[in-house]
Amino acid sequence: MTDRLTLTRAFESAGIQSELAERLTTEIYDAIHESVATKADLAELEQNINATKARDISHIRTSITAELAALDKKITVVGYRLITGLSISMVVIAVLLFAALHYWPPHG
């Protein structure tokens, strides 16, 4: 309210009649009223940003957890395949070694 009165008095001191100065002040304030953010508007915006940020962080955490679980599963499968492959290879080598020793000619 003080700002309106200050602006009205500034118009009056510039030589504008009191009634016209009040009307100009009212028109100016009405024109900018919808464009100006209040403290309540800023507080609401901050709450919305914080809520969105929290939701996004939760979504990112969920996605990362799912990706890590999938990666862990793949690593486990590859590990089992590697161990199985090495085990089979060792058995095959042992069988071939014993077969070779069986057919090896005796010395002496």
Foldseek 3Di string as FASTA:
>chain_A
DVVLVVQLVVVVVVPDDSVVSNVVSVVVCVVCVVVDADPVNVVVVVVVVVVVVVVVVVVVVVVVVVVVVVVVVVVVVVVVVVVVVVVVVVVVVVVVVVVCVVPPDDDD
